[in-house]
C-alpha atoms as a PDB file:
ATOM      1  CA  MET A   1      85.293  -1.786  21.122  1.00  0.00           C
ATOM      2  CA  SER A   2      81.531  -1.962  21.601  1.00  0.00           C
ATOM      3  CA  LYS A   3      79.343   1.116  22.000  1.00  0.00           C
ATOM      4  CA  ASN A   4      78.380   0.353  25.603  1.00  0.00           C
ATOM      5  CA  ILE A   5      81.793   0.922  27.223  1.00  0.00           C
ATOM      6  CA  ILE A   6      80.484   3.729  29.456  1.00  0.00           C
ATOM      7  CA  ASP A   7      77.501   1.599  30.494  1.00  0.00           C
ATOM      8  CA  ILE A   8      79.921  -1.123  31.581  1.00  0.00           C
ATOM      9  CA  ILE A   9      81.892   1.320  33.740  1.00  0.00           C
ATOM     10  CA  LYS A  10      78.655   2.529  35.339  1.00  0.00           C
ATOM     11  CA  LYS A  11      78.092  -1.048  36.583  1.00  0.00           C
ATOM     12  CA  PHE A  12      81.477  -1.294  38.311  1.00  0.00           C
ATOM     13  CA  ASP A  13      79.905  -0.750  41.733  1.00  0.00           C
ATOM     14  CA  ARG A  14      78.077  -4.080  41.296  1.00  0.00           C
ATOM     15  CA  ALA A  15      81.339  -6.062  41.067  1.00  0.00           C
ATOM     16  CA  ARG A  16      82.340  -8.372  43.923  1.00  0.00           C
ATOM     17  CA  ILE A  17      85.971  -9.479  43.789  1.00  0.00           C
ATOM     18  CA  LEU A  18      88.284 -11.684  45.828  1.00  0.00           C
ATOM     19  CA  VAL A  19      92.011 -10.880  45.750  1.00  0.00           C
ATOM     20  CA  VAL A  20      94.401 -13.630  46.888  1.00  0.00           C
ATOM     21  CA  GLY A  21      98.148 -13.142  47.027  1.00  0.00           C
ATOM     22  CA  ASP A  22     101.266 -11.573  48.495  1.00  0.00           C
ATOM     23  CA  ILE A  23     100.232  -8.423  50.353  1.00  0.00           C
ATOM     24  CA  MET A  24     102.822  -5.870  51.415  1.00  0.00           C
ATOM     25  CA  VAL A  25     103.493  -2.239  52.339  1.00  0.00           C
ATOM     26  CA  ASP A  26     104.737   0.244  49.735  1.00  0.00           C
ATOM     27  CA  HIS A  27     106.847   2.940  51.439  1.00  0.00           C
ATOM     28  CA  PHE A  28     107.694   6.001  49.347  1.00  0.00           C
ATOM     29  CA  VAL A  29     110.369   8.498  50.442  1.00  0.00           C
ATOM     30  CA  TYR A  30     110.402  11.758  48.454  1.00  0.00           C
ATOM     31  CA  GLY A  31     113.239  14.261  48.466  1.00  0.00           C
ATOM     32  CA  THR A  32     115.735  16.340  46.530  1.00  0.00           C
ATOM     33  CA  VAL A  33     119.356  15.826  45.571  1.00  0.00           C
ATOM     34  CA  SER A  34     121.857  18.682  45.374  1.00  0.00           C
ATOM     35  CA  ARG A  35     125.166  16.987  46.170  1.00  0.00           C
ATOM     36  CA  ILE A  36     127.129  13.745  46.167  1.00  0.00           C
ATOM     37  CA  SER A  37     128.152  12.188  49.458  1.00  0.00           C
ATOM     38  CA  PRO A  38     131.814  12.698  50.476  1.00  0.00           C
ATOM     39  CA  GLU A  39     131.706   9.201  51.985  1.00  0.00           C
ATOM     40  CA  ALA A  40     130.879   7.346  48.762  1.00  0.00           C
ATOM     41  CA  PRO A  41     129.916   8.204  45.155  1.00  0.00           C
ATOM     42  CA  VAL A  42     126.174   8.255  45.921  1.00  0.00           C
ATOM     43  CA  PRO A  43     123.589  11.058  45.933  1.00  0.00           C
ATOM     44  CA  VAL A  44     122.534  12.579  49.237  1.00  0.00           C
ATOM     45  CA  VAL A  45     118.738  12.738  49.391  1.00  0.00           C
ATOM     46  CA  ASN A  46     117.225  15.507  51.491  1.00  0.00           C
ATOM     47  CA  VAL A  47     113.939  13.912  52.557  1.00  0.00           C
ATOM     48  CA  LYS A  48     110.866  16.121  52.179  1.00  0.00           C
ATOM     49  CA  SER A  49     107.990  13.688  52.696  1.00  0.00           C
ATOM     50  CA  GLU A  50     107.038  10.032  53.083  1.00  0.00           C
ATOM     51  CA  LYS A  51     103.994   7.985  52.173  1.00  0.00           C
ATOM     52  CA  LEU A  52     102.774   4.487  53.087  1.00  0.00           C
ATOM     53  CA  MET A  53     100.411   2.616  50.760  1.00  0.00           C
ATOM     54  CA  PRO A  54      99.049  -0.911  50.368  1.00  0.00           C
ATOM     55  CA  GLY A  55     101.400  -2.779  48.034  1.00  0.00           C
ATOM     56  CA  GLY A  56     101.601  -6.033  46.082  1.00  0.00           C
ATOM     57  CA  ALA A  57      98.263  -7.814  46.127  1.00  0.00           C
ATOM     58  CA  ALA A  58      96.994  -5.107  48.490  1.00  0.00           C
ATOM     59  CA  ASN A  59      97.560  -2.575  45.693  1.00  0.00           C
ATOM     60  CA  VAL A  60      95.272  -4.704  43.504  1.00  0.00           C
ATOM     61  CA  VAL A  61      92.676  -4.330  46.263  1.00  0.00           C
ATOM     62  CA  SER A  62      93.140  -0.542  46.228  1.00  0.00           C
ATOM     63  CA  ASN A  63      92.663  -0.447  42.462  1.00  0.00           C
ATOM     64  CA  ALA A  64      89.515  -2.578  42.484  1.00  0.00           C
ATOM     65  CA  VAL A  65      87.977  -0.583  45.333  1.00  0.00           C
ATOM     66  CA  LYS A  66      88.727   2.747  43.638  1.00  0.00           C
ATOM     67  CA  LEU A  67      86.866   1.456  40.597  1.00  0.00           C
ATOM     68  CA  GLY A  68      83.829   0.850  42.818  1.00  0.00           C
ATOM     69  CA  ALA A  69      84.021  -2.901  43.492  1.00  0.00           C
ATOM     70  CA  LYS A  70      83.368  -4.687  46.755  1.00  0.00           C
ATOM     71  CA  VAL A  71      86.619  -6.526  47.538  1.00  0.00           C
ATOM     72  CA  TYR A  72      87.600  -9.399  49.810  1.00  0.00           C
ATOM     73  CA  VAL A  73      91.333  -9.830  50.419  1.00  0.00           C
ATOM     74  CA  ALA A  74      93.085 -13.070  51.457  1.00  0.00           C
ATOM     75  CA  GLY A  75      96.754 -13.113  52.420  1.00  0.00           C
ATOM     76  CA  VAL A  76      99.190 -13.132  55.333  1.00  0.00           C
ATOM     77  CA  VAL A  77     101.035 -10.539  57.415  1.00  0.00           C
ATOM     78  CA  GLY A  78     103.485 -10.892  60.268  1.00  0.00           C
ATOM     79  CA  ASP A  79     102.713 -10.267  63.917  1.00  0.00           C
ATOM     80  CA  ASP A  80     104.807  -7.094  63.737  1.00  0.00           C
ATOM     81  CA  TYR A  81     104.707  -3.326  63.369  1.00  0.00           C
ATOM     82  CA  ASN A  82     104.508  -3.356  59.563  1.00  0.00           C
ATOM     83  CA  GLY A  83     101.746  -5.962  59.726  1.00  0.00           C
ATOM     84  CA  GLU A  84      99.672  -3.611  61.852  1.00  0.00           C
ATOM     85  CA  ILE A  85     100.383  -0.773  59.410  1.00  0.00           C
ATOM     86  CA  LEU A  86      99.284  -2.891  56.455  1.00  0.00           C
ATOM     87  CA  LYS A  87      96.039  -3.974  58.098  1.00  0.00           C
ATOM     88  CA  ARG A  88      95.296  -0.357  59.023  1.00  0.00           C
ATOM     89  CA  LEU A  89      95.960   0.760  55.450  1.00  0.00           C
ATOM     90  CA  VAL A  90      93.607  -1.889  54.064  1.00  0.00           C
ATOM     91  CA  ASP A  91      90.946  -1.104  56.664  1.00  0.00           C
ATOM     92  CA  LYS A  92      91.333   2.613  55.906  1.00  0.00           C
ATOM     93  CA  TYR A  93      90.433   1.907  52.279  1.00  0.00           C
ATOM     94  CA  GLY A  94      87.411   0.013  53.586  1.00  0.00           C
ATOM     95  CA  GLU A  95      86.305   2.967  55.715  1.00  0.00           C
ATOM     96  CA  GLU A  96      86.828   5.494  52.923  1.00  0.00           C
ATOM     97  CA  SER A  97      84.875   3.305  50.506  1.00  0.00           C
ATOM     98  CA  ARG A  98      82.007   2.766  52.974  1.00  0.00           C
ATOM     99  CA  GLY A  99      82.837  -0.809  53.838  1.00  0.00           C
ATOM    100  CA  ARG A 100      83.759  -2.032  50.359  1.00  0.00           C
ATOM    101  CA  VAL A 101      86.840  -3.895  51.671  1.00  0.00           C
ATOM    102  CA  ASP A 102      86.590  -7.071  53.741  1.00  0.00           C
ATOM    103  CA  SER A 103      89.951  -7.879  55.386  1.00  0.00           C
ATOM    104  CA  SER A 104      88.717 -10.788  57.511  1.00  0.00           C
ATOM    105  CA  LEU A 105      90.670 -13.302  55.389  1.00  0.00           C
ATOM    106  CA  ILE A 106      94.044 -11.706  56.199  1.00  0.00           C
ATOM    107  CA  LEU A 107      95.917 -14.040  58.563  1.00  0.00           C
ATOM    108  CA  THR A 108      98.447 -12.757  61.121  1.00  0.00           C
ATOM    109  CA  LEU A 109     101.366 -15.168  61.580  1.00  0.00           C
ATOM    110  CA  LYS A 110     103.947 -15.054  64.369  1.00  0.00           C
ATOM    111  CA  ASN A 111     106.827 -16.583  62.367  1.00  0.00           C
ATOM    112  CA  PHE A 112     106.538 -14.304  59.365  1.00  0.00           C
ATOM    113  CA  GLN A 113     107.935 -10.849  58.593  1.00  0.00           C
ATOM    114  CA  THR A 114     105.548  -8.466  56.860  1.00  0.00           C
ATOM    115  CA  ILE A 115     106.946  -7.425  53.484  1.00  0.00           C
ATOM    116  CA  ILE A 116     107.734  -3.730  52.975  1.00  0.00           C
ATOM    117  CA  LYS A 117     109.300  -2.145  49.884  1.00  0.00           C
ATOM    118  CA  THR A 118     110.872   1.286  50.302  1.00  0.00           C
ATOM    119  CA  ARG A 119     111.427   3.434  47.207  1.00  0.00           C
ATOM    120  CA  VAL A 120     113.484   6.621  47.439  1.00  0.00           C
ATOM    121  CA  ILE A 121     112.424   9.166  44.814  1.00  0.00           C
ATOM    122  CA  ALA A 122     114.069  12.479  43.948  1.00  0.00           C
ATOM    123  CA  HIS A 123     113.189  14.842  41.091  1.00  0.00           C
ATOM    124  CA  ASN A 124     110.572  12.380  39.767  1.00  0.00           C
ATOM    125  CA  GLN A 125     113.141   9.571  39.520  1.00  0.00           C
ATOM    126  CA  GLN A 126     113.561   6.479  41.663  1.00  0.00           C
ATOM    127  CA  ILE A 127     117.034   6.578  43.219  1.00  0.00           C
ATOM    128  CA  VAL A 128     117.023   3.240  45.012  1.00  0.00           C
ATOM    129  CA  ARG A 129     114.657   0.589  46.356  1.00  0.00           C
ATOM    130  CA  PHE A 130     115.283  -1.608  49.358  1.00  0.00           C
ATOM    131  CA  ASP A 131     113.113  -4.507  50.500  1.00  0.00           C
ATOM    132  CA  ARG A 132     112.446  -6.113  53.845  1.00  0.00           C
ATOM    133  CA  GLU A 133     110.821  -9.422  53.181  1.00  0.00           C
ATOM    134  CA  ASP A 134     110.414 -12.994  54.278  1.00  0.00           C
ATOM    135  CA  ASN A 135     109.759 -15.426  51.428  1.00  0.00           C
ATOM    136  CA  GLY A 136     107.641 -17.665  53.599  1.00  0.00           C
ATOM    137  CA  LYS A 137     106.967 -21.363  53.373  1.00  0.00           C
ATOM    138  CA  PHE A 138     103.592 -21.762  54.974  1.00  0.00           C
ATOM    139  CA  THR A 139     102.112 -24.758  56.737  1.00  0.00           C
ATOM    140  CA  GLU A 140      99.135 -26.790  55.552  1.00  0.00           C
ATOM    141  CA  LYS A 141      97.242 -25.339  58.502  1.00  0.00           C
ATOM    142  CA  VAL A 142      97.694 -21.813  57.109  1.00  0.00           C
ATOM    143  CA  TYR A 143      96.498 -22.866  53.661  1.00  0.00           C
ATOM    144  CA  GLY A 144      93.618 -24.769  55.252  1.00  0.00           C
ATOM    145  CA  ARG A 145      92.496 -21.614  57.070  1.00  0.00           C
ATOM    146  CA  LEU A 146      92.698 -19.594  53.836  1.00  0.00           C
ATOM    147  CA  MET A 147      90.677 -22.145  51.859  1.00  0.00           C
ATOM    148  CA  GLU A 148      88.101 -22.394  54.635  1.00  0.00           C
ATOM    149  CA  GLY A 149      87.589 -18.631  54.564  1.00  0.00           C
ATOM    150  CA  ILE A 150      87.393 -18.558  50.761  1.00  0.00           C
ATOM    151  CA  ARG A 151      84.785 -21.326  50.703  1.00  0.00           C
ATOM    152  CA  LYS A 152      82.625 -19.317  53.122  1.00  0.00           C
ATOM    153  CA  ILE A 153      82.540 -16.210  50.914  1.00  0.00           C
ATOM    154  CA  GLU A 154      82.440 -17.971  47.542  1.00  0.00           C
ATOM    155  CA  GLY A 155      78.753 -17.220  47.057  1.00  0.00           C
ATOM    156  CA  ASP A 156      79.393 -13.497  47.524  1.00  0.00           C
ATOM    157  CA  ILE A 157      81.986 -13.066  44.760  1.00  0.00           C
ATOM    158  CA  ASP A 158      81.859 -12.852  40.967  1.00  0.00           C
ATOM    159  CA  ALA A 159      85.547 -13.100  40.131  1.00  0.00           C
ATOM    160  CA  VAL A 160      88.970 -13.722  41.685  1.00  0.00           C
ATOM    161  CA  ILE A 161      92.394 -12.173  41.164  1.00  0.00           C
ATOM    162  CA  ILE A 162      95.427 -14.250  42.134  1.00  0.00           C
ATOM    163  CA  SER A 163      98.315 -11.810  42.582  1.00  0.00           C
ATOM    164  CA  ASP A 164     101.579 -13.761  42.719  1.00  0.00           C
ATOM    165  CA  TYR A 165     104.603 -11.684  43.683  1.00  0.00           C
ATOM    166  CA  GLY A 166     106.751 -14.766  44.265  1.00  0.00           C
ATOM    167  CA  LYS A 167     106.929 -14.310  48.042  1.00  0.00           C
ATOM    168  CA  GLY A 168     105.799 -17.828  48.889  1.00  0.00           C
ATOM    169  CA  LEU A 169     102.050 -17.716  49.414  1.00  0.00           C
ATOM    170  CA  ILE A 170     101.151 -18.981  45.932  1.00  0.00           C
ATOM    171  CA  GLU A 171     102.614 -22.475  45.703  1.00  0.00           C
ATOM    172  CA  ARG A 172     101.710 -25.547  43.669  1.00  0.00           C
ATOM    173  CA  LYS A 173      99.297 -27.406  45.963  1.00  0.00           C
ATOM    174  CA  PHE A 174      97.447 -24.313  47.185  1.00  0.00           C
ATOM    175  CA  PHE A 175      97.205 -22.895  43.664  1.00  0.00           C
ATOM    176  CA  SER A 176      95.802 -26.147  42.291  1.00  0.00           C
ATOM    177  CA  SER A 177      93.206 -26.463  45.074  1.00  0.00           C
ATOM    178  CA  LEU A 178      92.217 -22.807  44.806  1.00  0.00           C
ATOM    179  CA  VAL A 179      91.788 -22.744  41.019  1.00  0.00           C
ATOM    180  CA  SER A 180      90.024 -26.126  40.923  1.00  0.00           C
ATOM    181  CA  PHE A 181      87.533 -24.941  43.555  1.00  0.00           C
ATOM    182  CA  LEU A 182      86.908 -21.557  41.926  1.00  0.00           C
ATOM    183  CA  ARG A 183      86.558 -22.820  38.360  1.00  0.00           C
ATOM    184  CA  GLY A 184      84.238 -25.516  39.679  1.00  0.00           C
ATOM    185  CA  LYS A 185      82.044 -22.687  40.966  1.00  0.00           C
ATOM    186  CA  ASN A 186      82.194 -20.931  37.551  1.00  0.00           C
ATOM    187  CA  LYS A 187      84.235 -17.987  38.823  1.00  0.00           C
ATOM    188  CA  PHE A 188      86.355 -15.867  36.507  1.00  0.00           C
ATOM    189  CA  VAL A 189      89.951 -16.348  37.698  1.00  0.00           C
ATOM    190  CA  ALA A 190      92.628 -13.837  36.643  1.00  0.00           C
ATOM    191  CA  LEU A 191      96.286 -14.529  37.424  1.00  0.00           C
ATOM    192  CA  ASP A 192      99.142 -12.020  37.583  1.00  0.00           C
ATOM    193  CA  PRO A 193     102.082 -14.451  37.326  1.00  0.00           C
ATOM    194  CA  LYS A 194     105.687 -14.816  38.465  1.00  0.00           C
ATOM    195  CA  VAL A 195     108.102 -16.478  36.045  1.00  0.00           C
ATOM    196  CA  GLU A 196     109.440 -19.055  38.497  1.00  0.00           C
ATOM    197  CA  ASN A 197     105.928 -20.409  39.091  1.00  0.00           C
ATOM    198  CA  PHE A 198     104.900 -20.959  35.455  1.00  0.00           C
ATOM    199  CA  LYS A 199     105.720 -24.634  36.014  1.00  0.00           C
ATOM    200  CA  PHE A 200     102.555 -25.186  38.044  1.00  0.00           C
ATOM    201  CA  TYR A 201     100.107 -22.607  36.681  1.00  0.00           C
ATOM    202  CA  LYS A 202      97.128 -24.236  34.978  1.00  0.00           C
ATOM    203  CA  ASN A 203      93.586 -23.573  33.775  1.00  0.00           C
ATOM    204  CA  VAL A 204      92.938 -19.967  34.845  1.00  0.00           C
ATOM    205  CA  SER A 205      90.511 -17.738  32.957  1.00  0.00           C
ATOM    206  CA  ILE A 206      93.210 -15.233  32.011  1.00  0.00           C
ATOM    207  CA  LEU A 207      96.942 -14.845  32.579  1.00  0.00           C
ATOM    208  CA  THR A 208      98.398 -11.306  32.504  1.00  0.00           C
ATOM    209  CA  PRO A 209     102.227 -11.392  32.249  1.00  0.00           C
ATOM    210  CA  ASN A 210     104.333  -8.465  31.115  1.00  0.00           C
ATOM    211  CA  ILE A 211     106.630  -8.862  28.123  1.00  0.00           C
ATOM    212  CA  ASN A 212     109.613 -10.024  30.214  1.00  0.00           C
ATOM    213  CA  GLU A 213     107.504 -12.578  32.083  1.00  0.00           C
ATOM    214  CA  THR A 214     106.112 -13.805  28.771  1.00  0.00           C
ATOM    215  CA  SER A 215     109.627 -14.297  27.466  1.00  0.00           C
ATOM    216  CA  GLY A 216     110.763 -16.040  30.648  1.00  0.00           C
ATOM    217  CA  GLY A 217     107.654 -18.204  30.912  1.00  0.00           C
ATOM    218  CA  SER A 218     107.870 -19.368  27.300  1.00  0.00           C
ATOM    219  CA  GLY A 219     111.633 -19.632  27.002  1.00  0.00           C
ATOM    220  CA  ILE A 220     111.520 -17.492  23.853  1.00  0.00           C
ATOM    221  CA  LYS A 221     113.381 -14.211  23.438  1.00  0.00           C
ATOM    222  CA  ILE A 222     110.811 -11.711  22.191  1.00  0.00           C
ATOM    223  CA  HIS A 223     112.058  -9.044  19.778  1.00  0.00           C
ATOM    224  CA  ASP A 224     109.207  -8.639  17.277  1.00  0.00           C
ATOM    225  CA  GLU A 225     105.563  -9.522  16.581  1.00  0.00           C
ATOM    226  CA  LYS A 226     106.482 -12.961  15.217  1.00  0.00           C
ATOM    227  CA  THR A 227     108.371 -14.037  18.335  1.00  0.00           C
ATOM    228  CA  LEU A 228     105.621 -12.582  20.516  1.00  0.00           C
ATOM    229  CA  GLU A 229     103.030 -14.712  18.711  1.00  0.00           C
ATOM    230  CA  LYS A 230     105.252 -17.784  19.113  1.00  0.00           C
ATOM    231  CA  ALA A 231     105.754 -17.129  22.855  1.00  0.00           C
ATOM    232  CA  GLY A 232     102.018 -16.601  23.269  1.00  0.00           C
ATOM    233  CA  ARG A 233     101.230 -19.940  21.640  1.00  0.00           C
ATOM    234  CA  VAL A 234     103.746 -21.727  23.881  1.00  0.00           C
ATOM    235  CA  ILE A 235     102.209 -20.305  27.063  1.00  0.00           C
ATOM    236  CA  MET A 236      98.665 -21.012  25.868  1.00  0.00           C
ATOM    237  CA  LYS A 237      99.669 -24.647  25.298  1.00  0.00           C
ATOM    238  CA  ARG A 238     101.527 -25.046  28.615  1.00  0.00           C
ATOM    239  CA  VAL A 239      99.280 -23.160  31.021  1.00  0.00           C
ATOM    240  CA  LYS A 240      95.985 -23.613  29.154  1.00  0.00           C
ATOM    241  CA  PRO A 241      94.346 -20.333  30.193  1.00  0.00           C
ATOM    242  CA  ASP A 242      91.186 -19.290  28.381  1.00  0.00           C
ATOM    243  CA  TYR A 243      93.012 -16.077  27.472  1.00  0.00           C
ATOM    244  CA  LEU A 244      96.517 -14.622  27.674  1.00  0.00           C
ATOM    245  CA  LEU A 245      96.983 -10.853  27.958  1.00  0.00           C
ATOM    246  CA  VAL A 246     100.574  -9.688  27.476  1.00  0.00           C
ATOM    247  CA  THR A 247     101.252  -6.163  28.756  1.00  0.00           C
ATOM    248  CA  ARG A 248     103.964  -4.581  26.616  1.00  0.00           C
ATOM    249  CA  GLY A 249     104.658  -1.173  28.163  1.00  0.00           C
ATOM    250  CA  GLU A 250     104.926   1.538  25.530  1.00  0.00           C
ATOM    251  CA  ALA A 251     103.916  -1.021  22.850  1.00  0.00           C
ATOM    252  CA  GLY A 252     100.487  -1.531  24.461  1.00  0.00           C
ATOM    253  CA  MET A 253      99.043  -4.977  25.144  1.00  0.00           C
ATOM    254  CA  SER A 254      98.203  -8.122  23.180  1.00  0.00           C
ATOM    255  CA  LEU A 255      95.389 -10.592  23.836  1.00  0.00           C
ATOM    256  CA  PHE A 256      95.615 -14.250  22.782  1.00  0.00           C
ATOM    257  CA  GLY A 257      92.741 -16.746  22.840  1.00  0.00           C
ATOM    258  CA  GLY A 258      89.427 -17.010  21.054  1.00  0.00           C
ATOM    259  CA  ASP A 259      89.295 -16.678  17.274  1.00  0.00           C
ATOM    260  CA  LYS A 260      92.280 -14.355  16.812  1.00  0.00           C
ATOM    261  CA  SER A 261      94.794 -12.270  18.743  1.00  0.00           C
ATOM    262  CA  LEU A 262      94.013  -8.623  19.515  1.00  0.00           C
ATOM    263  CA  HIS A 263      96.558  -5.816  19.813  1.00  0.00           C
ATOM    264  CA  LEU A 264      95.800  -2.596  21.673  1.00  0.00           C
ATOM    265  CA  PRO A 265      98.311   0.264  21.277  1.00  0.00           C
ATOM    266  CA  ALA A 266      99.374   2.186  24.391  1.00  0.00           C
ATOM    267  CA  ARG A 267      97.288   5.290  25.088  1.00  0.00           C
ATOM    268  CA  ALA A 268      99.638   7.105  27.486  1.00  0.00           C
ATOM    269  CA  LYS A 269     101.218  10.255  26.051  1.00  0.00           C
ATOM    270  CA  GLU A 270     103.718  10.585  28.897  1.00  0.00           C
ATOM    271  CA  VAL A 271     105.004   7.797  31.158  1.00  0.00           C
ATOM    272  CA  TYR A 272     106.238   8.896  34.591  1.00  0.00           C
ATOM    273  CA  ASP A 273     106.192   5.635  36.553  1.00  0.00           C
ATOM    274  CA  VAL A 274     105.161   2.073  35.651  1.00  0.00           C
ATOM    275  CA  THR A 275     105.107   0.961  39.306  1.00  0.00           C
ATOM    276  CA  GLY A 276     101.886  -0.976  39.900  1.00  0.00           C
ATOM    277  CA  ALA A 277     100.675  -0.704  36.305  1.00  0.00           C
ATOM    278  CA  GLY A 278     100.182  -4.470  36.093  1.00  0.00           C
ATOM    279  CA  ASP A 279      97.956  -4.294  39.172  1.00  0.00           C
ATOM    280  CA  THR A 280      95.874  -1.602  37.470  1.00  0.00           C
ATOM    281  CA  VAL A 281      95.438  -3.760  34.365  1.00  0.00           C
ATOM    282  CA  ILE A 282      94.382  -6.962  36.117  1.00  0.00           C
ATOM    283  CA  SER A 283      92.036  -5.225  38.567  1.00  0.00           C
ATOM    284  CA  THR A 284      90.302  -3.160  35.870  1.00  0.00           C
ATOM    285  CA  LEU A 285      89.985  -6.102  33.507  1.00  0.00           C
ATOM    286  CA  THR A 286      88.543  -8.351  36.222  1.00  0.00           C
ATOM    287  CA  VAL A 287      86.079  -5.773  37.502  1.00  0.00           C
ATOM    288  CA  ALA A 288      84.862  -5.140  33.940  1.00  0.00           C
ATOM    289  CA  ARG A 289      84.574  -8.852  33.187  1.00  0.00           C
ATOM    290  CA  SER A 290      82.653  -9.498  36.407  1.00  0.00           C
ATOM    291  CA  VAL A 291      79.899  -7.051  35.387  1.00  0.00           C
ATOM    292  CA  GLY A 292      79.416  -8.616  31.958  1.00  0.00           C
ATOM    293  CA  ALA A 293      81.995  -6.996  29.677  1.00  0.00           C
ATOM    294  CA  SER A 294      83.306  -9.043  26.760  1.00  0.00           C
ATOM    295  CA  ILE A 295      86.966  -9.966  27.024  1.00  0.00           C
ATOM    296  CA  SER A 296      87.898  -7.453  24.298  1.00  0.00           C
ATOM    297  CA  ASP A 297      85.966  -4.619  25.974  1.00  0.00           C
ATOM    298  CA  ALA A 298      87.479  -5.514  29.365  1.00  0.00           C
ATOM    299  CA  CYS A 299      90.980  -5.303  27.850  1.00  0.00           C
ATOM    300  CA  TYR A 300      90.142  -2.009  26.128  1.00  0.00           C
ATOM    301  CA  ILE A 301      89.046  -0.478  29.453  1.00  0.00           C
ATOM    302  CA  ALA A 302      92.096  -1.925  31.258  1.00  0.00           C
ATOM    303  CA  ASN A 303      94.374  -0.416  28.626  1.00  0.00           C
ATOM    304  CA  ALA A 304      92.822   2.991  29.235  1.00  0.00           C
ATOM    305  CA  ALA A 305      93.237   2.597  33.006  1.00  0.00           C
ATOM    306  CA  ALA A 306      96.906   1.684  32.572  1.00  0.00           C
ATOM    307  CA  SER A 307      97.512   4.853  30.543  1.00  0.00           C
ATOM    308  CA  ILE A 308      96.175   6.924  33.446  1.00  0.00           C
ATOM    309  CA  ALA A 309      98.180   5.010  36.066  1.00  0.00           C
ATOM    310  CA  VAL A 310     101.578   5.327  34.341  1.00  0.00           C
ATOM    311  CA  SER A 311     101.115   9.089  33.925  1.00  0.00           C
ATOM    312  CA  GLN A 312     101.271   9.422  37.733  1.00  0.00           C
ATOM    313  CA  LEU A 313     104.285   9.103  40.040  1.00  0.00           C
ATOM    314  CA  GLY A 314     104.220   6.031  42.296  1.00  0.00           C
ATOM    315  CA  THR A 315     101.441   3.461  42.556  1.00  0.00           C
ATOM    316  CA  TYR A 316      98.128   5.004  41.551  1.00  0.00           C
ATOM    317  CA  ALA A 317      94.585   3.667  41.782  1.00  0.00           C
ATOM    318  CA  VAL A 318      92.387   4.782  38.879  1.00  0.00           C
ATOM    319  CA  GLY A 319      88.780   5.750  39.559  1.00  0.00           C
ATOM    320  CA  ALA A 320      85.735   4.863  37.476  1.00  0.00           C
ATOM    321  CA  ASP A 321      85.058   8.574  36.995  1.00  0.00           C
ATOM    322  CA  GLU A 322      88.510   9.069  35.421  1.00  0.00           C
ATOM    323  CA  LEU A 323      87.867   6.212  33.026  1.00  0.00           C
ATOM    324  CA  THR A 324      84.485   7.623  32.089  1.00  0.00           C
ATOM    325  CA  ARG A 325      86.004  11.022  31.294  1.00  0.00           C
ATOM    326  CA  MET A 326      88.751   9.480  29.171  1.00  0.00           C
ATOM    327  CA  LEU A 327      86.512   7.099  27.237  1.00  0.00           C
ATOM    328  CA  SER A 328      83.665   9.530  26.702  1.00  0.00           C
END
């Protein structure tokens, strides 16, 4: 870690980021359980409150904005009730952050169902999750509209996060065109991957899989440092990213690329919920990198942000002020 970590965080409000990916609604239902249903061996949840939040790639947007960045978001929603909710949630973040979110690249499609994930939580534990989703196959016209919008704002962004939740938006041809265009413009491109799409990922600046995705993407069962190193080398050879950052939960994170690998131990003392932790890592890392941080410093700051996020229940966007307090 360099001595200017706090100075880097102070520059976060200069960052200009584009987030491209599967946007969705996160619906949290909170309650208590005191009995088992007489109808089936399942807990009866007495609902006390509910909360709607931007989810998937939209949660990456929330994280980047909370850090102070100006964020453009490109994705699709359905012409439905949940689509309206999602756009309002994103726009609300824009209003609260004094216009730091630009949602003009979100497309509304008639033949698509907006994705919503509902998590039922009782006594600080997730009881069940149920999803309403439409793994879309989008037309060339849709991808053409997205690329047209991205080309128009290219000069206003420093870095790009591709957030692939495997819901159909990130497919081979679009991914190739997007990355080729962005790298041609010297943009830092971070990718949060999905295992089934490793076959067409290529040439991003950094790939940020978790340990299970690293195992699945490499075809190697990871059970120690040696197998982790082997899996990392396989992915570096196949995908050819500049860097590979493997998030390892309670074991911290490991960076591959450059002269040697770097391991950062986890900082969190208590882990309540890992939901959205990967979004926290990739958004923090990209914001830091876009304002001039070295890759090692960017990972160090992202590791600190992750430790804050997992100590909270549900998805949680970490603020630059929280990072400053922790790292001071």
